[in-house]
Amino acid sequence: MDATFAAVCTDHGTYKVNVAADGGYLDPATLYRNLVKERVLARDPVTLSVMVKGGDWAYGCQLVDEAHQQLGGLLAPPRIFTPMVLTDTVAKLSKSLIHEGRVALPPGTQPWMLDSTAWTGGIDDYVDTLVWLVSKFLSDPKHFYRSYTTQQLNRIMIAHPVTEAPPRAREMNLYRRYFDLLAAGRKTIEVRVQYPNLRNLAPGQHIRFACGRDEALTKVKRVSRYESFEQMLDTEGPAKSIPTAPATTNSPTSAASTPRRRKPSACSPSRSS
């Protein structure tokens, strides 16, 4: 179904845009885009959507709220206004204008402010520093409800205290009978279906196995991938993955009872102290 949008521009007068159902693009103004997004999110009666906006949007949202009132029926989702990042001239730092070459890089702007991969400490340290920064802001409202220049922000970020962080680990749940075997060092191979989230599992990474409130942190020593569960069982055997299984576990019948639609992966985790 095609749609026709009509509006009045104070500079150019009345205009219309036709958008076809099989294609087409409508680029409304920022206020309209935000109104559409919030109306769509407000339709969901189950999910609580929260809009996160820069502090410069506090006044613009007054106009969006007036539009909500005129349309009626739905309440605008809650909003959180975050501190703005300013340049040395106290103008808002615009990454898009800098990337487009329309504005020169302001003094004091660090490369990581435009590209997070440029943070010298690596992505893990960057995330830890951001979490620390937000916690520092939220510790006192006066820190959060204000703006920061790029130089101030850089000074705060590099002041992040360096602490001994625990190894980052994937979280995996285990049934009690398997968890106890793994925690005791008897189960040294874990077999999982290779879902997309496990495709980049590699030796040296950590896995935190959990059962209820109990946890066991392990380090991956080896990852092997197989075309089928039968191939995996023929190669690895059941002794290290299910130490308490009867000898018949490796039989074709028991192996064939396992779903074959996805390729399995076997990893050898070692218990970390």
C-alpha atoms as a PDB file:
ATOM      1  CA  MET A   1       0.000   0.000   0.000  1.00  0.00           C
ATOM      2  CA  ASP A   2       1.442   3.343  -1.051  1.00  0.00           C
ATOM      3  CA  ALA A   3       1.448   6.315   1.287  1.00  0.00           C
ATOM      4  CA  THR A   4       1.442  10.055   0.719  1.00  0.00           C
ATOM      5  CA  PHE A   5       2.934  12.392   3.284  1.00  0.00           C
ATOM      6  CA  ALA A   6       2.040  16.087   3.170  1.00  0.00           C
ATOM      7  CA  ALA A   7       3.580  18.881   5.228  1.00  0.00           C
ATOM      8  CA  VAL A   8       4.086  22.605   5.264  1.00  0.00           C
ATOM      9  CA  CYS A   9       7.557  24.135   5.389  1.00  0.00           C
ATOM     10  CA  THR A  10       7.760  27.689   6.707  1.00  0.00           C
ATOM     11  CA  ASP A  11      10.461  28.431   4.127  1.00  0.00           C
ATOM     12  CA  HIS A  12       9.311  26.461   1.066  1.00  0.00           C
ATOM     13  CA  GLY A  13       5.557  26.100   1.500  1.00  0.00           C
ATOM     14  CA  THR A  14       3.421  22.980   1.066  1.00  0.00           C
ATOM     15  CA  TYR A  15       4.965  19.781  -0.285  1.00  0.00           C
ATOM     16  CA  LYS A  16       4.110  16.084  -0.646  1.00  0.00           C
ATOM     17  CA  VAL A  17       6.153  12.892  -0.710  1.00  0.00           C
ATOM     18  CA  ASN A  18       4.885   9.590  -2.129  1.00  0.00           C
ATOM     19  CA  VAL A  19       6.380   6.415  -0.630  1.00  0.00           C
ATOM     20  CA  ALA A  20       5.693   3.174  -2.511  1.00  0.00           C
ATOM     21  CA  ALA A  21       5.063  -0.059  -0.644  1.00  0.00           C
ATOM     22  CA  ASP A  22       7.722  -1.899  -2.663  1.00  0.00           C
ATOM     23  CA  GLY A  23      10.395   0.707  -2.032  1.00  0.00           C
ATOM     24  CA  GLY A  24      11.022   4.317  -1.269  1.00  0.00           C
ATOM     25  CA  TYR A  25      12.535   6.340   1.509  1.00  0.00           C
ATOM     26  CA  LEU A  26      11.163   9.083   3.693  1.00  0.00           C
ATOM     27  CA  ASP A  27      13.627  11.245   5.590  1.00  0.00           C
ATOM     28  CA  PRO A  28      11.639  13.275   8.102  1.00  0.00           C
ATOM     29  CA  ALA A  29      13.124  15.878  10.386  1.00  0.00           C
ATOM     30  CA  THR A  30      14.722  14.829  13.648  1.00  0.00           C
ATOM     31  CA  LEU A  31      11.642  15.716  15.720  1.00  0.00           C
ATOM     32  CA  TYR A  32       9.410  13.559  13.535  1.00  0.00           C
ATOM     33  CA  ARG A  33      11.857  10.653  13.647  1.00  0.00           C
ATOM     34  CA  ASN A  34      11.875  10.720  17.431  1.00  0.00           C
ATOM     35  CA  LEU A  35       8.095  10.941  17.569  1.00  0.00           C
ATOM     36  CA  VAL A  36       7.738   7.908  15.292  1.00  0.00           C
ATOM     37  CA  LYS A  37      10.282   5.892  17.291  1.00  0.00           C
ATOM     38  CA  GLU A  38       8.629   6.668  20.608  1.00  0.00           C
ATOM     39  CA  ARG A  39       5.111   5.931  19.300  1.00  0.00           C
ATOM     40  CA  VAL A  40       6.251   2.550  17.973  1.00  0.00           C
ATOM     41  CA  LEU A  41       8.003   1.647  21.233  1.00  0.00           C
ATOM     42  CA  ALA A  42       5.038   2.793  23.320  1.00  0.00           C
ATOM     43  CA  ARG A  43       2.787   0.294  21.559  1.00  0.00           C
ATOM     44  CA  ASP A  44       4.534  -2.636  23.239  1.00  0.00           C
ATOM     45  CA  PRO A  45       2.585  -3.365  26.468  1.00  0.00           C
ATOM     46  CA  VAL A  46       5.191  -5.810  27.785  1.00  0.00           C
ATOM     47  CA  THR A  47       8.639  -4.292  27.204  1.00  0.00           C
ATOM     48  CA  LEU A  48       9.656  -1.151  29.058  1.00  0.00           C
ATOM     49  CA  SER A  49      11.576   0.909  26.516  1.00  0.00           C
ATOM     50  CA  VAL A  50      13.827   3.716  27.754  1.00  0.00           C
ATOM     51  CA  MET A  51      15.078   6.474  25.454  1.00  0.00           C
ATOM     52  CA  VAL A  52      18.671   7.572  26.107  1.00  0.00           C
ATOM     53  CA  LYS A  53      19.421  11.016  24.715  1.00  0.00           C
ATOM     54  CA  GLY A  54      22.050  13.694  25.038  1.00  0.00           C
ATOM     55  CA  GLY A  55      21.352  16.629  27.304  1.00  0.00           C
ATOM     56  CA  ASP A  56      20.816  18.909  24.297  1.00  0.00           C
ATOM     57  CA  TRP A  57      17.565  17.031  23.621  1.00  0.00           C
ATOM     58  CA  ALA A  58      15.905  18.148  26.858  1.00  0.00           C
ATOM     59  CA  TYR A  59      14.226  21.112  25.166  1.00  0.00           C
ATOM     60  CA  GLY A  60      13.454  19.352  21.879  1.00  0.00           C
ATOM     61  CA  CYS A  61      11.524  16.679  23.747  1.00  0.00           C
ATOM     62  CA  GLN A  62       9.043  19.310  24.887  1.00  0.00           C
ATOM     63  CA  LEU A  63       7.889  19.540  21.274  1.00  0.00           C
ATOM     64  CA  VAL A  64       7.765  15.738  20.995  1.00  0.00           C
ATOM     65  CA  ASP A  65       5.639  15.610  24.151  1.00  0.00           C
ATOM     66  CA  GLU A  66       3.197  18.130  22.675  1.00  0.00           C
ATOM     67  CA  ALA A  67       2.844  15.865  19.631  1.00  0.00           C
ATOM     68  CA  HIS A  68       2.173  12.875  21.916  1.00  0.00           C
ATOM     69  CA  GLN A  69      -0.579  14.856  23.625  1.00  0.00           C
ATOM     70  CA  GLN A  70      -2.189  15.775  20.303  1.00  0.00           C
ATOM     71  CA  LEU A  71      -2.144  12.162  19.095  1.00  0.00           C
ATOM     72  CA  GLY A  72      -3.295  10.776  22.454  1.00  0.00           C
ATOM     73  CA  GLY A  73      -3.746   7.159  23.464  1.00  0.00           C
ATOM     74  CA  LEU A  74      -0.116   6.342  24.306  1.00  0.00           C
ATOM     75  CA  LEU A  75       2.309   7.591  26.904  1.00  0.00           C
ATOM     76  CA  ALA A  76       5.802   8.560  25.836  1.00  0.00           C
ATOM     77  CA  PRO A  77       8.482   6.135  27.068  1.00  0.00           C
ATOM     78  CA  PRO A  78      10.726   7.339  29.907  1.00  0.00           C
ATOM     79  CA  ARG A  79      13.863   9.214  28.887  1.00  0.00           C
ATOM     80  CA  ILE A  80      17.353   9.557  30.327  1.00  0.00           C
ATOM     81  CA  PHE A  81      19.406  12.589  29.339  1.00  0.00           C
ATOM     82  CA  THR A  82      23.146  12.026  29.427  1.00  0.00           C
ATOM     83  CA  PRO A  83      25.966  14.590  29.735  1.00  0.00           C
ATOM     84  CA  MET A  84      27.049  16.269  26.512  1.00  0.00           C
ATOM     85  CA  VAL A  85      30.607  16.178  25.252  1.00  0.00           C
ATOM     86  CA  LEU A  86      31.773  19.659  24.261  1.00  0.00           C
ATOM     87  CA  THR A  87      34.720  20.997  22.287  1.00  0.00           C
ATOM     88  CA  ASP A  88      37.164  23.643  23.483  1.00  0.00           C
ATOM     89  CA  THR A  89      34.742  26.295  22.180  1.00  0.00           C
ATOM     90  CA  VAL A  90      31.922  24.765  24.266  1.00  0.00           C
ATOM     91  CA  ALA A  91      30.145  23.617  21.086  1.00  0.00           C
ATOM     92  CA  LYS A  92      28.768  20.095  20.986  1.00  0.00           C
ATOM     93  CA  LEU A  93      31.263  17.524  19.697  1.00  0.00           C
ATOM     94  CA  SER A  94      29.809  16.316  16.377  1.00  0.00           C
ATOM     95  CA  LYS A  95      31.425  13.070  15.269  1.00  0.00           C
ATOM     96  CA  SER A  96      29.397  12.964  12.067  1.00  0.00           C
ATOM     97  CA  LEU A  97      30.589  16.419  10.942  1.00  0.00           C
ATOM     98  CA  ILE A  98      34.190  15.502  11.739  1.00  0.00           C
ATOM     99  CA  HIS A  99      33.969  12.196   9.839  1.00  0.00           C
ATOM    100  CA  GLU A 100      32.416  14.013   6.871  1.00  0.00           C
ATOM    101  CA  GLY A 101      35.302  16.487   6.875  1.00  0.00           C
ATOM    102  CA  ARG A 102      33.005  19.456   7.394  1.00  0.00           C
ATOM    103  CA  VAL A 103      34.563  20.352  10.745  1.00  0.00           C
ATOM    104  CA  ALA A 104      38.213  20.174  11.771  1.00  0.00           C
ATOM    105  CA  LEU A 105      39.218  17.983  14.681  1.00  0.00           C
ATOM    106  CA  PRO A 106      38.854  20.222  17.761  1.00  0.00           C
ATOM    107  CA  PRO A 107      41.863  20.615  20.076  1.00  0.00           C
ATOM    108  CA  GLY A 108      41.873  18.107  22.903  1.00  0.00           C
ATOM    109  CA  THR A 109      39.791  15.519  21.013  1.00  0.00           C
ATOM    110  CA  GLN A 110      41.379  12.097  21.380  1.00  0.00           C
ATOM    111  CA  PRO A 111      41.182   9.450  18.626  1.00  0.00           C
ATOM    112  CA  TRP A 112      39.219   7.052  20.869  1.00  0.00           C
ATOM    113  CA  MET A 113      36.428   9.640  21.145  1.00  0.00           C
ATOM    114  CA  LEU A 114      35.732   9.103  17.451  1.00  0.00           C
ATOM    115  CA  ASP A 115      36.669   5.423  17.242  1.00  0.00           C
ATOM    116  CA  SER A 116      36.513   3.213  20.336  1.00  0.00           C
ATOM    117  CA  THR A 117      39.019   0.754  18.837  1.00  0.00           C
ATOM    118  CA  ALA A 118      41.677   3.485  19.132  1.00  0.00           C
ATOM    119  CA  TRP A 119      41.672   3.199  22.946  1.00  0.00           C
ATOM    120  CA  THR A 120      45.230   2.255  23.868  1.00  0.00           C
ATOM    121  CA  GLY A 121      44.290  -0.258  26.544  1.00  0.00           C
ATOM    122  CA  GLY A 122      42.245  -2.577  24.328  1.00  0.00           C
ATOM    123  CA  ILE A 123      38.502  -3.092  24.118  1.00  0.00           C
ATOM    124  CA  ASP A 124      38.188  -4.853  27.501  1.00  0.00           C
ATOM    125  CA  ASP A 125      39.934  -2.007  29.301  1.00  0.00           C
ATOM    126  CA  TYR A 126      37.820   0.508  27.369  1.00  0.00           C
ATOM    127  CA  VAL A 127      34.576  -1.147  28.506  1.00  0.00           C
ATOM    128  CA  ASP A 128      35.811  -1.370  32.107  1.00  0.00           C
ATOM    129  CA  THR A 129      36.738   2.319  32.020  1.00  0.00           C
ATOM    130  CA  LEU A 130      33.323   3.310  30.631  1.00  0.00           C
ATOM    131  CA  VAL A 131      31.532   1.329  33.337  1.00  0.00           C
ATOM    132  CA  TRP A 132      33.718   3.007  35.962  1.00  0.00           C
ATOM    133  CA  LEU A 133      33.021   6.421  34.398  1.00  0.00           C
ATOM    134  CA  VAL A 134      29.232   5.932  34.433  1.00  0.00           C
ATOM    135  CA  SER A 135      29.364   4.705  38.030  1.00  0.00           C
ATOM    136  CA  LYS A 136      31.346   7.817  38.950  1.00  0.00           C
ATOM    137  CA  PHE A 137      28.793  10.068  37.219  1.00  0.00           C
ATOM    138  CA  LEU A 138      25.833   8.376  38.872  1.00  0.00           C
ATOM    139  CA  SER A 139      27.394   8.505  42.329  1.00  0.00           C
ATOM    140  CA  ASP A 140      26.242  12.112  42.577  1.00  0.00           C
ATOM    141  CA  PRO A 141      23.579  13.797  40.406  1.00  0.00           C
ATOM    142  CA  LYS A 142      25.687  16.924  40.014  1.00  0.00           C
ATOM    143  CA  HIS A 143      28.241  14.846  38.084  1.00  0.00           C
ATOM    144  CA  PHE A 144      25.647  13.475  35.691  1.00  0.00           C
ATOM    145  CA  TYR A 145      23.507  16.532  34.988  1.00  0.00           C
ATOM    146  CA  ARG A 146      26.191  18.672  33.390  1.00  0.00           C
ATOM    147  CA  SER A 147      28.416  18.671  30.309  1.00  0.00           C
ATOM    148  CA  TYR A 148      32.108  17.888  29.847  1.00  0.00           C
ATOM    149  CA  THR A 149      34.674  19.171  27.386  1.00  0.00           C
ATOM    150  CA  THR A 150      36.799  16.644  25.510  1.00  0.00           C
ATOM    151  CA  GLN A 151      39.805  17.625  27.620  1.00  0.00           C
ATOM    152  CA  GLN A 152      37.889  17.096  30.873  1.00  0.00           C
ATOM    153  CA  LEU A 153      36.527  13.778  29.669  1.00  0.00           C
ATOM    154  CA  ASN A 154      39.989  12.575  28.692  1.00  0.00           C
ATOM    155  CA  ARG A 155      41.422  13.555  32.084  1.00  0.00           C
ATOM    156  CA  ILE A 156      38.686  11.594  33.851  1.00  0.00           C
ATOM    157  CA  MET A 157      39.014   8.526  31.618  1.00  0.00           C
ATOM    158  CA  ILE A 158      42.780   8.190  32.007  1.00  0.00           C
ATOM    159  CA  ALA A 159      42.370   8.573  35.787  1.00  0.00           C
ATOM    160  CA  HIS A 160      40.593   5.210  35.893  1.00  0.00           C
ATOM    161  CA  PRO A 161      42.375   3.182  38.594  1.00  0.00           C
ATOM    162  CA  VAL A 162      44.102   0.083  37.260  1.00  0.00           C
ATOM    163  CA  THR A 163      42.989  -2.971  39.209  1.00  0.00           C
ATOM    164  CA  GLU A 164      43.471  -6.689  38.844  1.00  0.00           C
ATOM    165  CA  ALA A 165      40.355  -7.635  36.905  1.00  0.00           C
ATOM    166  CA  PRO A 166      39.112 -11.224  36.886  1.00  0.00           C
ATOM    167  CA  PRO A 167      39.422 -12.999  33.536  1.00  0.00           C
ATOM    168  CA  ARG A 168      36.506 -12.445  31.211  1.00  0.00           C
ATOM    169  CA  ALA A 169      34.602 -15.673  30.888  1.00  0.00           C
ATOM    170  CA  ARG A 170      31.677 -17.087  28.971  1.00  0.00           C
ATOM    171  CA  GLU A 171      28.818 -18.201  31.178  1.00  0.00           C
ATOM    172  CA  MET A 172      27.568 -21.764  30.731  1.00  0.00           C
ATOM    173  CA  ASN A 173      25.088 -23.691  32.864  1.00  0.00           C
ATOM    174  CA  LEU A 174      25.497 -27.353  33.762  1.00  0.00           C
ATOM    175  CA  TYR A 175      23.252 -29.896  35.425  1.00  0.00           C
ATOM    176  CA  ARG A 176      24.376 -30.791  38.929  1.00  0.00           C
ATOM    177  CA  ARG A 177      25.659 -34.276  38.054  1.00  0.00           C
ATOM    178  CA  TYR A 178      27.902 -32.861  35.313  1.00  0.00           C
ATOM    179  CA  PHE A 179      28.951 -29.813  37.294  1.00  0.00           C
ATOM    180  CA  ASP A 180      30.187 -31.922  40.223  1.00  0.00           C
ATOM    181  CA  LEU A 181      32.220 -34.096  37.849  1.00  0.00           C
ATOM    182  CA  LEU A 182      33.784 -31.043  36.225  1.00  0.00           C
ATOM    183  CA  ALA A 183      34.513 -29.348  39.559  1.00  0.00           C
ATOM    184  CA  ALA A 184      36.178 -32.562  40.786  1.00  0.00           C
ATOM    185  CA  GLY A 185      38.398 -32.704  37.706  1.00  0.00           C
ATOM    186  CA  ARG A 186      36.878 -35.923  36.349  1.00  0.00           C
ATOM    187  CA  LYS A 187      34.993 -34.314  33.451  1.00  0.00           C
ATOM    188  CA  THR A 188      37.634 -32.703  31.233  1.00  0.00           C
ATOM    189  CA  ILE A 189      35.696 -32.371  27.971  1.00  0.00           C
ATOM    190  CA  GLU A 190      32.517 -30.344  27.484  1.00  0.00           C
ATOM    191  CA  VAL A 191      30.435 -30.963  24.362  1.00  0.00           C
ATOM    192  CA  ARG A 192      28.167 -28.246  22.985  1.00  0.00           C
ATOM    193  CA  VAL A 193      26.214 -27.678  19.804  1.00  0.00           C
ATOM    194  CA  GLN A 194      28.058 -25.071  17.770  1.00  0.00           C
ATOM    195  CA  TYR A 195      25.577 -22.240  17.860  1.00  0.00           C
ATOM    196  CA  PRO A 196      26.727 -18.888  16.410  1.00  0.00           C
ATOM    197  CA  ASN A 197      27.791 -17.603  19.838  1.00  0.00           C
ATOM    198  CA  LEU A 198      30.343 -20.434  20.114  1.00  0.00           C
ATOM    199  CA  ARG A 199      31.900 -20.169  16.675  1.00  0.00           C
ATOM    200  CA  ASN A 200      34.784 -18.012  17.918  1.00  0.00           C
ATOM    201  CA  LEU A 201      35.506 -20.123  21.006  1.00  0.00           C
ATOM    202  CA  ALA A 202      39.270 -20.629  21.113  1.00  0.00           C
ATOM    203  CA  PRO A 203      41.995 -22.008  23.398  1.00  0.00           C
ATOM    204  CA  GLY A 204      43.050 -19.578  26.101  1.00  0.00           C
ATOM    205  CA  GLN A 205      39.545 -18.222  26.682  1.00  0.00           C
ATOM    206  CA  HIS A 206      37.734 -18.796  29.964  1.00  0.00           C
ATOM    207  CA  ILE A 207      34.393 -20.452  30.682  1.00  0.00           C
ATOM    208  CA  ARG A 208      32.554 -20.036  33.955  1.00  0.00           C
ATOM    209  CA  PHE A 209      30.343 -23.068  34.490  1.00  0.00           C
ATOM    210  CA  ALA A 210      27.469 -22.545  36.885  1.00  0.00           C
ATOM    211  CA  CYS A 211      24.976 -24.705  38.710  1.00  0.00           C
ATOM    212  CA  GLY A 212      22.699 -22.812  41.041  1.00  0.00           C
ATOM    213  CA  ARG A 213      24.982 -20.697  43.218  1.00  0.00           C
ATOM    214  CA  ASP A 214      28.065 -22.802  42.551  1.00  0.00           C
ATOM    215  CA  GLU A 215      30.596 -21.750  39.928  1.00  0.00           C
ATOM    216  CA  ALA A 216      33.738 -23.227  38.399  1.00  0.00           C
ATOM    217  CA  LEU A 217      36.082 -21.025  36.380  1.00  0.00           C
ATOM    218  CA  THR A 218      37.935 -22.958  33.679  1.00  0.00           C
ATOM    219  CA  LYS A 219      40.392 -22.172  30.898  1.00  0.00           C
ATOM    220  CA  VAL A 220      39.932 -23.687  27.450  1.00  0.00           C
ATOM    221  CA  LYS A 221      42.909 -25.845  26.446  1.00  0.00           C
ATOM    222  CA  ARG A 222      41.599 -27.245  23.161  1.00  0.00           C
ATOM    223  CA  VAL A 223      38.609 -26.808  20.825  1.00  0.00           C
ATOM    224  CA  SER A 224      37.668 -29.511  18.327  1.00  0.00           C
ATOM    225  CA  ARG A 225      34.799 -29.293  15.861  1.00  0.00           C
ATOM    226  CA  TYR A 226      33.086 -32.260  14.255  1.00  0.00           C
ATOM    227  CA  GLU A 227      30.620 -32.850  11.434  1.00  0.00           C
ATOM    228  CA  SER A 228      28.391 -35.095  13.567  1.00  0.00           C
ATOM    229  CA  PHE A 229      27.956 -36.395  17.079  1.00  0.00           C
ATOM    230  CA  GLU A 230      28.937 -39.859  15.906  1.00  0.00           C
ATOM    231  CA  GLN A 231      32.260 -38.509  14.669  1.00  0.00           C
ATOM    232  CA  MET A 232      32.759 -36.664  17.937  1.00  0.00           C
ATOM    233  CA  LEU A 233      32.060 -39.789  20.020  1.00  0.00           C
ATOM    234  CA  ASP A 234      34.309 -41.952  17.871  1.00  0.00           C
ATOM    235  CA  THR A 235      37.153 -39.466  18.290  1.00  0.00           C
ATOM    236  CA  GLU A 236      36.760 -38.260  21.879  1.00  0.00           C
ATOM    237  CA  GLY A 237      34.974 -41.184  23.502  1.00  0.00           C
ATOM    238  CA  PRO A 238      32.584 -40.768  26.435  1.00  0.00           C
ATOM    239  CA  ALA A 239      35.075 -41.242  29.272  1.00  0.00           C
ATOM    240  CA  LYS A 240      36.197 -37.619  29.517  1.00  0.00           C
ATOM    241  CA  SER A 241      32.885 -35.928  28.721  1.00  0.00           C
ATOM    242  CA  ILE A 242      30.586 -38.266  30.716  1.00  0.00           C
ATOM    243  CA  PRO A 243      32.849 -40.238  33.073  1.00  0.00           C
ATOM    244  CA  THR A 244      29.959 -42.035  34.771  1.00  0.00           C
ATOM    245  CA  ALA A 245      28.319 -43.193  31.522  1.00  0.00           C
ATOM    246  CA  PRO A 246      28.145 -46.960  30.850  1.00  0.00           C
ATOM    247  CA  ALA A 247      30.427 -48.412  28.222  1.00  0.00           C
ATOM    248  CA  THR A 248      27.538 -48.748  25.777  1.00  0.00           C
ATOM    249  CA  THR A 249      27.289 -44.955  25.502  1.00  0.00           C
ATOM    250  CA  ASN A 250      29.594 -45.100  22.503  1.00  0.00           C
ATOM    251  CA  SER A 251      27.313 -47.483  20.640  1.00  0.00           C
ATOM    252  CA  PRO A 252      25.741 -46.389  17.316  1.00  0.00           C
ATOM    253  CA  THR A 253      22.289 -46.555  18.861  1.00  0.00           C
ATOM    254  CA  SER A 254      22.961 -44.115  21.692  1.00  0.00           C
ATOM    255  CA  ALA A 255      24.907 -41.787  19.410  1.00  0.00           C
ATOM    256  CA  ALA A 256      22.142 -41.756  16.824  1.00  0.00           C
ATOM    257  CA  SER A 257      19.632 -40.644  19.449  1.00  0.00           C
ATOM    258  CA  THR A 258      21.395 -37.285  19.646  1.00  0.00           C
ATOM    259  CA  PRO A 259      20.061 -34.562  17.283  1.00  0.00           C
ATOM    260  CA  ARG A 260      22.266 -34.257  14.206  1.00  0.00           C
ATOM    261  CA  ARG A 261      21.026 -31.018  12.715  1.00  0.00           C
ATOM    262  CA  ARG A 262      23.879 -28.930  14.091  1.00  0.00           C
ATOM    263  CA  LYS A 263      27.601 -29.560  14.260  1.00  0.00           C
ATOM    264  CA  PRO A 264      29.010 -30.236  17.735  1.00  0.00           C
ATOM    265  CA  SER A 265      32.095 -28.711  19.313  1.00  0.00           C
ATOM    266  CA  ALA A 266      34.179 -30.319  22.028  1.00  0.00           C
ATOM    267  CA  CYS A 267      36.389 -28.193  24.246  1.00  0.00           C
ATOM    268  CA  SER A 268      38.848 -29.236  26.906  1.00  0.00           C
ATOM    269  CA  PRO A 269      38.542 -26.869  29.881  1.00  0.00           C
ATOM    270  CA  SER A 270      41.060 -26.935  32.718  1.00  0.00           C
ATOM    271  CA  ARG A 271      40.114 -25.696  36.183  1.00  0.00           C
ATOM    272  CA  SER A 272      41.532 -22.239  36.943  1.00  0.00           C
ATOM    273  CA  SER A 273      42.718 -21.514  40.465  1.00  0.00           C
END
